[in-house]
């Protein structure tokens, strides 16, 4: 049987480089312009209305809708918010505009109006009932600027801007899509989404939300969804042709479980183009590498820093996990608008001592090798591996990096312009580091992570380059 995760944001085990249904941080500087102060304690109070079901505006196909093995691996709820600035007069229309547009966009995206169930094979599948997405209208007791800096996840405050189904014990009791529109006294509003990762990865989520926005503005869909996921069916019989260490359970020789009993601190570190260039120069200075990308060098840099900050034993194995977009790598490439998860996790494993003693170029080389490992053959093998084992990626002694800087969520427009800022409600797991685009031109990268207080102090020192 497929594992049914309890409904909790902290059960996420498969966020990915191009995915996570998350929206990137758009304009950190906008908070200063809005008068936001991080130092002021504030209690957000949100009055939620009664939830309603928003069904497709037209009759849609009914019956069972196939989810691929790439969808099965990350069937968890992800919560995100979009903040829109609006004048008070036009603000009154926001809830109804978004609700009406949702009815229309659910016609081409009709599986989102269905419900998760278990297939005869013991896998997750969508029953396309046309039941509808859950929609909630809400009002906040303050101006949008008063809620503080939402560029850093804060589940206690930001969690009030999304609607959680009361009493839901697992993902089968959660609709694939839940939306809440919260109006603020300043005229701004926030769209809060709970979406199941099994429905799509970041590219698919971005295309859906942008299609919703286009529908709200009366425009045709730029990228209509391609719904046939059977093109990623496992082979019969399964052919596992590669080693899949992303599923490997690593022994905790360093006994680091106890360190997480310490107070967790969350921090962000901004790498501007100048700093990124400096790290790249360091990576190629020994002549081993001719060049490297920003993702490769930054991933290697923070992997080494986090390993050192956690004071792992030299013979402790450490695993780096991240995802590669398989859309262009499949043969043939996945069709434009593929509605589903088109990403695959890749990995690198080495001993902590080797990672830290060797130059930065060594770690960058490991990241490069992990990326190059992802081919059509590798991805088909990963699909078949799950078919044969039903295993899920392990996060033991692992760093999972996810970057949202390549996704254009910042272009979402429901008729009130692009969001002032958008982001996740909470960090998914202690093993996860997020790469977020930063600045007006989005050329800087903001690295967001949580570490025990003792480890965070060391990590901060290592970031001073």
Foldseek 3Di string as FASTA:
>chain_A
DFDWDWADLQVFDDAFAAFLLKDFWAAQVVLVVVVADAVDDDDKDKFKDDKDFQFAPDDADFFKADFFLLLSQGFHKFKKKFKFADAQVCLVCVQVLLSVLQNHLCRLVQLLQFFWDADPLRTIITGRPRNGEIEMEMEIPAAPSHLHRPNAFDLVRCVSQFDDDPPRTTRRPHRQWYWYWYAYPRSMIMIMIIHTQSFETNQLSLLSLQCSLCSSVVHHRPFRADRRPCVLHADVQHDQDDDACLLPAFDQPQPLPVLVVFDKDKDKDKQFPVNLVVQQCQLCVVPPDPGADSVLSVQLLLVLLLLVLSVGDQQGKAKEKHKDQCQVQAVNGPDTNHGGYRIDMWMFIDGSNVSNVDGSNVSSVRVVVRRVVDHNSNSSSVSSVCVVPVGHGDCHNYAYEYENLVRVSQQRHNPSGGGPTMTTNHDRHQRYWYWHQYDNVSRMTMIMHMDRPSSVVSSVVSSPD
